[in-house]
Amino acid sequence: MSEVIHFIEKSWEIYLKRFHLNNAILAFGIIVTAWVMDIVLALYACPLCILTRYVFGTFALFSLVAFFNNNFKLIQNLLIFGSLLFGVGVTGRQIYIQNLSSEGLTNLSGCGMPLETTIEFYGFFEGIFKTLQGGPSCAEEGWRFIFNFAEWGLLFFLMFIFLNLLKVFKVL
Protein backbone atom coordinates (compact mmCIF):
# COMPACT_ATOMS: atom_id res chain seq x y z
CA MET A 1 0.00 0.00 0.00
CA SER A 2 2.85 2.40 0.78
CA GLU A 3 4.21 1.85 -2.74
CA VAL A 4 0.92 3.02 -4.23
CA ILE A 5 0.92 6.14 -2.05
CA HIS A 6 4.55 6.82 -2.99
CA PHE A 7 3.67 6.44 -6.69
CA ILE A 8 0.74 8.88 -6.33
CA GLU A 9 2.92 11.40 -4.50
CA LYS A 10 5.63 11.13 -7.16
CA SER A 11 3.09 11.53 -9.98
CA TRP A 12 1.63 14.59 -8.25
CA GLU A 13 5.11 16.15 -7.97
CA ILE A 14 5.71 15.58 -11.69
CA TYR A 15 2.35 17.16 -12.51
CA LEU A 16 3.15 20.21 -10.42
CA LYS A 17 6.53 20.59 -12.12
CA ARG A 18 4.70 20.73 -15.45
CA PHE A 19 1.81 22.87 -14.20
CA HIS A 20 2.49 25.85 -16.46
CA LEU A 21 3.17 23.59 -19.45
CA ASN A 22 -0.20 21.89 -18.88
CA ASN A 23 -1.88 25.33 -18.76
CA ALA A 24 -0.23 26.34 -22.03
CA ILE A 25 -1.20 23.11 -23.79
CA LEU A 26 -4.81 23.43 -22.64
CA ALA A 27 -5.01 27.09 -23.69
CA PHE A 28 -3.55 26.32 -27.13
CA GLY A 29 -6.01 23.41 -27.36
CA ILE A 30 -8.89 25.80 -26.73
CA ILE A 31 -7.67 28.08 -29.53
CA VAL A 32 -7.28 25.21 -31.99
CA THR A 33 -10.69 23.78 -31.06
CA ALA A 34 -12.38 27.15 -31.64
CA TRP A 35 -10.58 27.56 -34.96
CA VAL A 36 -11.52 24.05 -36.13
CA MET A 37 -15.14 24.60 -35.08
CA ASP A 38 -15.19 27.83 -37.10
CA ILE A 39 -14.10 25.89 -40.18
CA VAL A 40 -16.19 22.75 -39.66
CA LEU A 41 -19.40 24.51 -38.56
CA ALA A 42 -18.86 27.50 -40.89
CA LEU A 43 -19.10 29.94 -38.01
CA TYR A 44 -18.04 33.56 -38.31
CA ALA A 45 -16.19 34.63 -35.17
CA CYS A 46 -16.90 38.19 -34.08
CA PRO A 47 -14.05 40.53 -33.08
CA LEU A 48 -14.61 39.84 -29.37
CA CYS A 49 -14.32 36.09 -30.02
CA ILE A 50 -11.07 36.64 -31.90
CA LEU A 51 -9.80 38.89 -29.09
CA THR A 52 -10.64 36.12 -26.61
CA ARG A 53 -8.48 33.71 -28.62
CA TYR A 54 -5.60 36.18 -28.53
CA VAL A 55 -5.99 36.44 -24.76
CA PHE A 56 -5.88 32.63 -24.46
CA GLY A 57 -2.73 32.74 -26.61
CA THR A 58 -1.18 35.41 -24.40
CA PHE A 59 -1.93 33.35 -21.31
CA ALA A 60 -0.42 30.27 -22.98
CA LEU A 61 2.70 32.23 -23.93
CA PHE A 62 3.16 33.58 -20.39
CA SER A 63 2.63 30.05 -19.02
CA LEU A 64 5.30 28.68 -21.36
CA VAL A 65 7.72 31.38 -20.22
CA ALA A 66 6.96 30.47 -16.60
CA PHE A 67 7.57 26.80 -17.37
CA PHE A 68 10.93 27.33 -19.04
CA ASN A 69 12.20 30.11 -16.76
CA ASN A 70 11.88 30.01 -12.98
CA ASN A 71 13.29 33.51 -12.49
CA PHE A 72 11.08 36.54 -11.91
CA LYS A 73 8.15 34.52 -10.53
CA LEU A 74 6.36 37.64 -9.30
CA ILE A 75 6.41 39.25 -12.75
CA GLN A 76 5.40 35.97 -14.40
CA ASN A 77 2.46 35.55 -12.02
CA LEU A 78 1.38 39.16 -12.56
CA LEU A 79 1.45 38.66 -16.34
CA ILE A 80 -0.43 35.36 -16.10
CA PHE A 81 -3.11 36.77 -13.80
CA GLY A 82 -3.29 39.98 -15.83
CA SER A 83 -4.02 38.04 -19.01
CA LEU A 84 -6.58 35.87 -17.22
CA LEU A 85 -8.36 38.86 -15.70
CA PHE A 86 -8.41 40.60 -19.07
CA GLY A 87 -9.93 37.41 -20.51
CA VAL A 88 -12.62 37.47 -17.84
CA GLY A 89 -13.33 41.08 -18.80
CA VAL A 90 -13.54 40.33 -22.53
CA THR A 91 -15.79 37.29 -22.13
CA GLY A 92 -17.87 39.06 -19.48
CA ARG A 93 -18.38 41.98 -21.87
CA GLN A 94 -19.47 39.63 -24.63
CA ILE A 95 -21.93 37.85 -22.33
CA TYR A 96 -23.29 41.24 -21.32
CA ILE A 97 -23.73 42.23 -24.98
CA GLN A 98 -25.44 38.93 -25.76
CA ASN A 99 -28.01 39.68 -23.08
CA LEU A 100 -28.80 43.23 -24.24
CA SER A 101 -32.18 44.08 -25.69
CA SER A 102 -32.45 44.93 -29.38
CA GLU A 103 -32.63 48.63 -28.42
CA GLY A 104 -29.43 48.32 -26.42
CA LEU A 105 -27.68 46.64 -29.35
CA THR A 106 -28.44 49.55 -31.67
CA ASN A 107 -26.57 51.89 -29.32
CA LEU A 108 -23.31 49.92 -29.65
CA SER A 109 -20.77 51.42 -32.02
CA GLY A 110 -17.81 49.02 -31.88
CA CYS A 111 -17.18 45.76 -33.74
CA GLY A 112 -18.00 47.18 -37.14
CA MET A 113 -14.90 45.71 -38.75
CA PRO A 114 -12.81 42.59 -38.21
CA LEU A 115 -10.37 42.86 -35.29
CA GLU A 116 -7.24 43.11 -37.45
CA THR A 117 -8.78 45.85 -39.60
CA THR A 118 -9.92 47.78 -36.53
CA ILE A 119 -6.41 47.66 -35.05
CA GLU A 120 -4.89 48.62 -38.40
CA PHE A 121 -7.26 51.57 -38.81
CA TYR A 122 -7.32 52.93 -35.23
CA GLY A 123 -4.01 51.69 -33.85
CA PHE A 124 -3.52 48.96 -31.28
CA PHE A 125 -4.98 50.44 -28.10
CA GLU A 126 -7.81 52.37 -29.76
CA GLY A 127 -8.63 49.28 -31.85
CA ILE A 128 -8.85 47.10 -28.74
CA PHE A 129 -11.01 49.75 -27.05
CA LYS A 130 -13.35 49.89 -30.08
CA THR A 131 -13.56 46.11 -30.10
CA LEU A 132 -14.41 46.00 -26.40
CA GLN A 133 -17.30 48.42 -27.03
CA GLY A 134 -18.91 45.59 -28.97
CA GLY A 135 -21.54 45.60 -31.63
CA PRO A 136 -24.53 43.66 -32.90
CA SER A 137 -22.32 40.94 -34.43
CA CYS A 138 -20.96 40.21 -30.94
CA ALA A 139 -24.48 39.39 -29.70
CA GLU A 140 -25.00 36.52 -32.14
CA GLU A 141 -24.77 32.99 -30.78
CA GLY A 142 -23.55 30.82 -33.62
CA TRP A 143 -23.02 27.71 -31.52
CA ARG A 144 -24.20 26.36 -28.18
CA PHE A 145 -23.37 23.23 -26.22
CA ILE A 146 -24.88 23.89 -22.79
CA PHE A 147 -23.14 27.28 -22.96
CA ASN A 148 -22.05 29.45 -25.89
CA PHE A 149 -18.45 30.33 -26.79
CA ALA A 150 -18.25 33.36 -24.51
CA GLU A 151 -19.67 31.49 -21.53
CA TRP A 152 -17.29 28.58 -22.06
CA GLY A 153 -14.42 31.06 -22.35
CA LEU A 154 -15.42 32.70 -19.08
CA LEU A 155 -15.55 29.31 -17.35
CA PHE A 156 -12.08 28.40 -18.66
CA PHE A 157 -10.61 31.76 -17.58
CA LEU A 158 -12.13 31.37 -14.09
CA MET A 159 -10.83 27.80 -13.87
CA PHE A 160 -7.33 28.94 -14.82
CA ILE A 161 -7.49 31.73 -12.23
CA PHE A 162 -8.57 29.29 -9.54
CA LEU A 163 -5.86 26.75 -10.38
CA ASN A 164 -3.15 29.42 -10.61
CA LEU A 165 -4.23 30.90 -7.27
CA LEU A 166 -3.93 27.44 -5.73
CA LYS A 167 -0.46 27.12 -7.28
CA VAL A 168 0.66 30.57 -6.08
CA PHE A 169 -0.52 29.91 -2.54
CA LYS A 170 1.04 26.44 -2.72
CA VAL A 171 -2.21 24.58 -2.08
CA LEU A 172 -1.51 22.51 -5.19
C-alpha atoms as a PDB file:
ATOM      1  CA  MET A   1       0.000   0.000   0.000  1.00  0.00           C
ATOM      2  CA  SER A   2       2.845   2.404   0.784  1.00  0.00           C
ATOM      3  CA  GLU A   3       4.211   1.848  -2.739  1.00  0.00           C
ATOM      4  CA  VAL A   4       0.922   3.022  -4.229  1.00  0.00           C
ATOM      5  CA  ILE A   5       0.922   6.136  -2.050  1.00  0.00           C
ATOM      6  CA  HIS A   6       4.548   6.820  -2.988  1.00  0.00           C
ATOM      7  CA  PHE A   7       3.665   6.437  -6.687  1.00  0.00           C
ATOM      8  CA  ILE A   8       0.743   8.878  -6.333  1.00  0.00           C
ATOM      9  CA  GLU A   9       2.917  11.400  -4.499  1.00  0.00           C
ATOM     10  CA  LYS A  10       5.632  11.131  -7.156  1.00  0.00           C
ATOM     11  CA  SER A  11       3.089  11.528  -9.982  1.00  0.00           C
ATOM     12  CA  TRP A  12       1.632  14.585  -8.246  1.00  0.00           C
ATOM     13  CA  GLU A  13       5.108  16.151  -7.972  1.00  0.00           C
ATOM     14  CA  ILE A  14       5.712  15.577 -11.686  1.00  0.00           C
ATOM     15  CA  TYR A  15       2.348  17.156 -12.515  1.00  0.00           C
ATOM     16  CA  LEU A  16       3.148  20.214 -10.416  1.00  0.00           C
ATOM     17  CA  LYS A  17       6.529  20.591 -12.125  1.00  0.00           C
ATOM     18  CA  ARG A  18       4.697  20.726 -15.454  1.00  0.00           C
ATOM     19  CA  PHE A  19       1.813  22.874 -14.198  1.00  0.00           C
ATOM     20  CA  HIS A  20       2.493  25.853 -16.459  1.00  0.00           C
ATOM     21  CA  LEU A  21       3.168  23.594 -19.447  1.00  0.00           C
ATOM     22  CA  ASN A  22      -0.205  21.892 -18.881  1.00  0.00           C
ATOM     23  CA  ASN A  23      -1.880  25.327 -18.756  1.00  0.00           C
ATOM     24  CA  ALA A  24      -0.228  26.338 -22.031  1.00  0.00           C
ATOM     25  CA  ILE A  25      -1.199  23.107 -23.787  1.00  0.00           C
ATOM     26  CA  LEU A  26      -4.809  23.430 -22.638  1.00  0.00           C
ATOM     27  CA  ALA A  27      -5.012  27.090 -23.694  1.00  0.00           C
ATOM     28  CA  PHE A  28      -3.549  26.316 -27.135  1.00  0.00           C
ATOM     29  CA  GLY A  29      -6.011  23.411 -27.364  1.00  0.00           C
ATOM     30  CA  ILE A  30      -8.888  25.805 -26.729  1.00  0.00           C
ATOM     31  CA  ILE A  31      -7.671  28.082 -29.525  1.00  0.00           C
ATOM     32  CA  VAL A  32      -7.279  25.211 -31.989  1.00  0.00           C
ATOM     33  CA  THR A  33     -10.692  23.785 -31.058  1.00  0.00           C
ATOM     34  CA  ALA A  34     -12.375  27.155 -31.643  1.00  0.00           C
ATOM     35  CA  TRP A  35     -10.576  27.565 -34.960  1.00  0.00           C
ATOM     36  CA  VAL A  36     -11.519  24.054 -36.135  1.00  0.00           C
ATOM     37  CA  MET A  37     -15.138  24.599 -35.083  1.00  0.00           C
ATOM     38  CA  ASP A  38     -15.187  27.827 -37.100  1.00  0.00           C
ATOM     39  CA  ILE A  39     -14.102  25.893 -40.181  1.00  0.00           C
ATOM     40  CA  VAL A  40     -16.195  22.750 -39.660  1.00  0.00           C
ATOM     41  CA  LEU A  41     -19.395  24.514 -38.559  1.00  0.00           C
ATOM     42  CA  ALA A  42     -18.858  27.497 -40.891  1.00  0.00           C
ATOM     43  CA  LEU A  43     -19.104  29.944 -38.006  1.00  0.00           C
ATOM     44  CA  TYR A  44     -18.045  33.561 -38.308  1.00  0.00           C
ATOM     45  CA  ALA A  45     -16.191  34.628 -35.169  1.00  0.00           C
ATOM     46  CA  CYS A  46     -16.901  38.194 -34.083  1.00  0.00           C
ATOM     47  CA  PRO A  47     -14.045  40.528 -33.085  1.00  0.00           C
ATOM     48  CA  LEU A  48     -14.609  39.841 -29.366  1.00  0.00           C
ATOM     49  CA  CYS A  49     -14.319  36.087 -30.023  1.00  0.00           C
ATOM     50  CA  ILE A  50     -11.074  36.644 -31.903  1.00  0.00           C
ATOM     51  CA  LEU A  51      -9.801  38.888 -29.090  1.00  0.00           C
ATOM     52  CA  THR A  52     -10.637  36.121 -26.610  1.00  0.00           C
ATOM     53  CA  ARG A  53      -8.481  33.712 -28.617  1.00  0.00           C
ATOM     54  CA  TYR A  54      -5.598  36.177 -28.525  1.00  0.00           C
ATOM     55  CA  VAL A  55      -5.988  36.443 -24.757  1.00  0.00           C
ATOM     56  CA  PHE A  56      -5.877  32.635 -24.455  1.00  0.00           C
ATOM     57  CA  GLY A  57      -2.731  32.738 -26.606  1.00  0.00           C
ATOM     58  CA  THR A  58      -1.179  35.408 -24.395  1.00  0.00           C
ATOM     59  CA  PHE A  59      -1.930  33.350 -21.312  1.00  0.00           C
ATOM     60  CA  ALA A  60      -0.415  30.270 -22.980  1.00  0.00           C
ATOM     61  CA  LEU A  61       2.702  32.232 -23.930  1.00  0.00           C
ATOM     62  CA  PHE A  62       3.159  33.576 -20.389  1.00  0.00           C
ATOM     63  CA  SER A  63       2.632  30.049 -19.024  1.00  0.00           C
ATOM     64  CA  LEU A  64       5.303  28.682 -21.365  1.00  0.00           C
ATOM     65  CA  VAL A  65       7.719  31.379 -20.225  1.00  0.00           C
ATOM     66  CA  ALA A  66       6.959  30.470 -16.603  1.00  0.00           C
ATOM     67  CA  PHE A  67       7.566  26.797 -17.369  1.00  0.00           C
ATOM     68  CA  PHE A  68      10.929  27.327 -19.038  1.00  0.00           C
ATOM     69  CA  ASN A  69      12.196  30.114 -16.762  1.00  0.00           C
ATOM     70  CA  ASN A  70      11.882  30.009 -12.976  1.00  0.00           C
ATOM     71  CA  ASN A  71      13.288  33.508 -12.488  1.00  0.00           C
ATOM     72  CA  PHE A  72      11.075  36.544 -11.912  1.00  0.00           C
ATOM     73  CA  LYS A  73       8.147  34.523 -10.533  1.00  0.00           C
ATOM     74  CA  LEU A  74       6.359  37.638  -9.295  1.00  0.00           C
ATOM     75  CA  ILE A  75       6.414  39.254 -12.745  1.00  0.00           C
ATOM     76  CA  GLN A  76       5.400  35.971 -14.397  1.00  0.00           C
ATOM     77  CA  ASN A  77       2.459  35.553 -12.016  1.00  0.00           C
ATOM     78  CA  LEU A  78       1.384  39.155 -12.563  1.00  0.00           C
ATOM     79  CA  LEU A  79       1.448  38.660 -16.343  1.00  0.00           C
ATOM     80  CA  ILE A  80      -0.432  35.358 -16.098  1.00  0.00           C
ATOM     81  CA  PHE A  81      -3.112  36.769 -13.802  1.00  0.00           C
ATOM     82  CA  GLY A  82      -3.292  39.977 -15.827  1.00  0.00           C
ATOM     83  CA  SER A  83      -4.021  38.043 -19.008  1.00  0.00           C
ATOM     84  CA  LEU A  84      -6.582  35.872 -17.217  1.00  0.00           C
ATOM     85  CA  LEU A  85      -8.359  38.860 -15.698  1.00  0.00           C
ATOM     86  CA  PHE A  86      -8.408  40.598 -19.074  1.00  0.00           C
ATOM     87  CA  GLY A  87      -9.926  37.406 -20.515  1.00  0.00           C
ATOM     88  CA  VAL A  88     -12.622  37.467 -17.841  1.00  0.00           C
ATOM     89  CA  GLY A  89     -13.325  41.079 -18.799  1.00  0.00           C
ATOM     90  CA  VAL A  90     -13.541  40.326 -22.531  1.00  0.00           C
ATOM     91  CA  THR A  91     -15.794  37.292 -22.129  1.00  0.00           C
ATOM     92  CA  GLY A  92     -17.868  39.065 -19.483  1.00  0.00           C
ATOM     93  CA  ARG A  93     -18.381  41.981 -21.872  1.00  0.00           C
ATOM     94  CA  GLN A  94     -19.472  39.626 -24.631  1.00  0.00           C
ATOM     95  CA  ILE A  95     -21.932  37.847 -22.335  1.00  0.00           C
ATOM     96  CA  TYR A  96     -23.295  41.245 -21.317  1.00  0.00           C
ATOM     97  CA  ILE A  97     -23.727  42.235 -24.982  1.00  0.00           C
ATOM     98  CA  GLN A  98     -25.439  38.930 -25.759  1.00  0.00           C
ATOM     99  CA  ASN A  99     -28.013  39.680 -23.084  1.00  0.00           C
ATOM    100  CA  LEU A 100     -28.798  43.228 -24.240  1.00  0.00           C
ATOM    101  CA  SER A 101     -32.182  44.085 -25.687  1.00  0.00           C
ATOM    102  CA  SER A 102     -32.445  44.935 -29.378  1.00  0.00           C
ATOM    103  CA  GLU A 103     -32.628  48.628 -28.417  1.00  0.00           C
ATOM    104  CA  GLY A 104     -29.429  48.316 -26.421  1.00  0.00           C
ATOM    105  CA  LEU A 105     -27.676  46.643 -29.353  1.00  0.00           C
ATOM    106  CA  THR A 106     -28.438  49.547 -31.673  1.00  0.00           C
ATOM    107  CA  ASN A 107     -26.567  51.889 -29.323  1.00  0.00           C
ATOM    108  CA  LEU A 108     -23.309  49.924 -29.647  1.00  0.00           C
ATOM    109  CA  SER A 109     -20.768  51.423 -32.020  1.00  0.00           C
ATOM    110  CA  GLY A 110     -17.812  49.024 -31.880  1.00  0.00           C
ATOM    111  CA  CYS A 111     -17.177  45.756 -33.741  1.00  0.00           C
ATOM    112  CA  GLY A 112     -18.002  47.184 -37.138  1.00  0.00           C
ATOM    113  CA  MET A 113     -14.899  45.713 -38.753  1.00  0.00           C
ATOM    114  CA  PRO A 114     -12.806  42.591 -38.213  1.00  0.00           C
ATOM    115  CA  LEU A 115     -10.367  42.865 -35.288  1.00  0.00           C
ATOM    116  CA  GLU A 116      -7.245  43.109 -37.455  1.00  0.00           C
ATOM    117  CA  THR A 117      -8.784  45.845 -39.598  1.00  0.00           C
ATOM    118  CA  THR A 118      -9.918  47.785 -36.531  1.00  0.00           C
ATOM    119  CA  ILE A 119      -6.412  47.658 -35.051  1.00  0.00           C
ATOM    120  CA  GLU A 120      -4.893  48.619 -38.402  1.00  0.00           C
ATOM    121  CA  PHE A 121      -7.261  51.570 -38.807  1.00  0.00           C
ATOM    122  CA  TYR A 122      -7.324  52.925 -35.232  1.00  0.00           C
ATOM    123  CA  GLY A 123      -4.011  51.686 -33.847  1.00  0.00           C
ATOM    124  CA  PHE A 124      -3.521  48.955 -31.277  1.00  0.00           C
ATOM    125  CA  PHE A 125      -4.984  50.441 -28.095  1.00  0.00           C
ATOM    126  CA  GLU A 126      -7.813  52.371 -29.756  1.00  0.00           C
ATOM    127  CA  GLY A 127      -8.629  49.275 -31.848  1.00  0.00           C
ATOM    128  CA  ILE A 128      -8.852  47.099 -28.741  1.00  0.00           C
ATOM    129  CA  PHE A 129     -11.005  49.753 -27.050  1.00  0.00           C
ATOM    130  CA  LYS A 130     -13.346  49.887 -30.075  1.00  0.00           C
ATOM    131  CA  THR A 131     -13.563  46.106 -30.104  1.00  0.00           C
ATOM    132  CA  LEU A 132     -14.410  46.005 -26.401  1.00  0.00           C
ATOM    133  CA  GLN A 133     -17.295  48.417 -27.032  1.00  0.00           C
ATOM    134  CA  GLY A 134     -18.907  45.594 -28.966  1.00  0.00           C
ATOM    135  CA  GLY A 135     -21.544  45.598 -31.625  1.00  0.00           C
ATOM    136  CA  PRO A 136     -24.527  43.657 -32.901  1.00  0.00           C
ATOM    137  CA  SER A 137     -22.317  40.936 -34.431  1.00  0.00           C
ATOM    138  CA  CYS A 138     -20.964  40.211 -30.942  1.00  0.00           C
ATOM    139  CA  ALA A 139     -24.476  39.388 -29.704  1.00  0.00           C
ATOM    140  CA  GLU A 140     -25.002  36.518 -32.135  1.00  0.00           C
ATOM    141  CA  GLU A 141     -24.766  32.994 -30.778  1.00  0.00           C
ATOM    142  CA  GLY A 142     -23.554  30.816 -33.619  1.00  0.00           C
ATOM    143  CA  TRP A 143     -23.021  27.709 -31.524  1.00  0.00           C
ATOM    144  CA  ARG A 144     -24.195  26.357 -28.182  1.00  0.00           C
ATOM    145  CA  PHE A 145     -23.366  23.226 -26.218  1.00  0.00           C
ATOM    146  CA  ILE A 146     -24.877  23.890 -22.788  1.00  0.00           C
ATOM    147  CA  PHE A 147     -23.136  27.280 -22.959  1.00  0.00           C
ATOM    148  CA  ASN A 148     -22.053  29.450 -25.886  1.00  0.00           C
ATOM    149  CA  PHE A 149     -18.447  30.325 -26.788  1.00  0.00           C
ATOM    150  CA  ALA A 150     -18.249  33.359 -24.511  1.00  0.00           C
ATOM    151  CA  GLU A 151     -19.671  31.488 -21.532  1.00  0.00           C
ATOM    152  CA  TRP A 152     -17.285  28.579 -22.063  1.00  0.00           C
ATOM    153  CA  GLY A 153     -14.416  31.060 -22.352  1.00  0.00           C
ATOM    154  CA  LEU A 154     -15.422  32.699 -19.075  1.00  0.00           C
ATOM    155  CA  LEU A 155     -15.548  29.308 -17.355  1.00  0.00           C
ATOM    156  CA  PHE A 156     -12.080  28.401 -18.657  1.00  0.00           C
ATOM    157  CA  PHE A 157     -10.610  31.756 -17.576  1.00  0.00           C
ATOM    158  CA  LEU A 158     -12.126  31.366 -14.094  1.00  0.00           C
ATOM    159  CA  MET A 159     -10.832  27.800 -13.869  1.00  0.00           C
ATOM    160  CA  PHE A 160      -7.327  28.935 -14.820  1.00  0.00           C
ATOM    161  CA  ILE A 161      -7.487  31.732 -12.234  1.00  0.00           C
ATOM    162  CA  PHE A 162      -8.570  29.287  -9.544  1.00  0.00           C
ATOM    163  CA  LEU A 163      -5.857  26.747 -10.379  1.00  0.00           C
ATOM    164  CA  ASN A 164      -3.149  29.417 -10.609  1.00  0.00           C
ATOM    165  CA  LEU A 165      -4.231  30.895  -7.270  1.00  0.00           C
ATOM    166  CA  LEU A 166      -3.926  27.436  -5.729  1.00  0.00           C
ATOM    167  CA  LYS A 167      -0.464  27.121  -7.282  1.00  0.00           C
ATOM    168  CA  VAL A 168       0.657  30.575  -6.075  1.00  0.00           C
ATOM    169  CA  PHE A 169      -0.524  29.910  -2.540  1.00  0.00           C
ATOM    170  CA  LYS A 170       1.038  26.438  -2.722  1.00  0.00           C
ATOM    171  CA  VAL A 171      -2.213  24.579  -2.079  1.00  0.00           C
ATOM    172  CA  LEU A 172      -1.512  22.511  -5.190  1.00  0.00           C
END
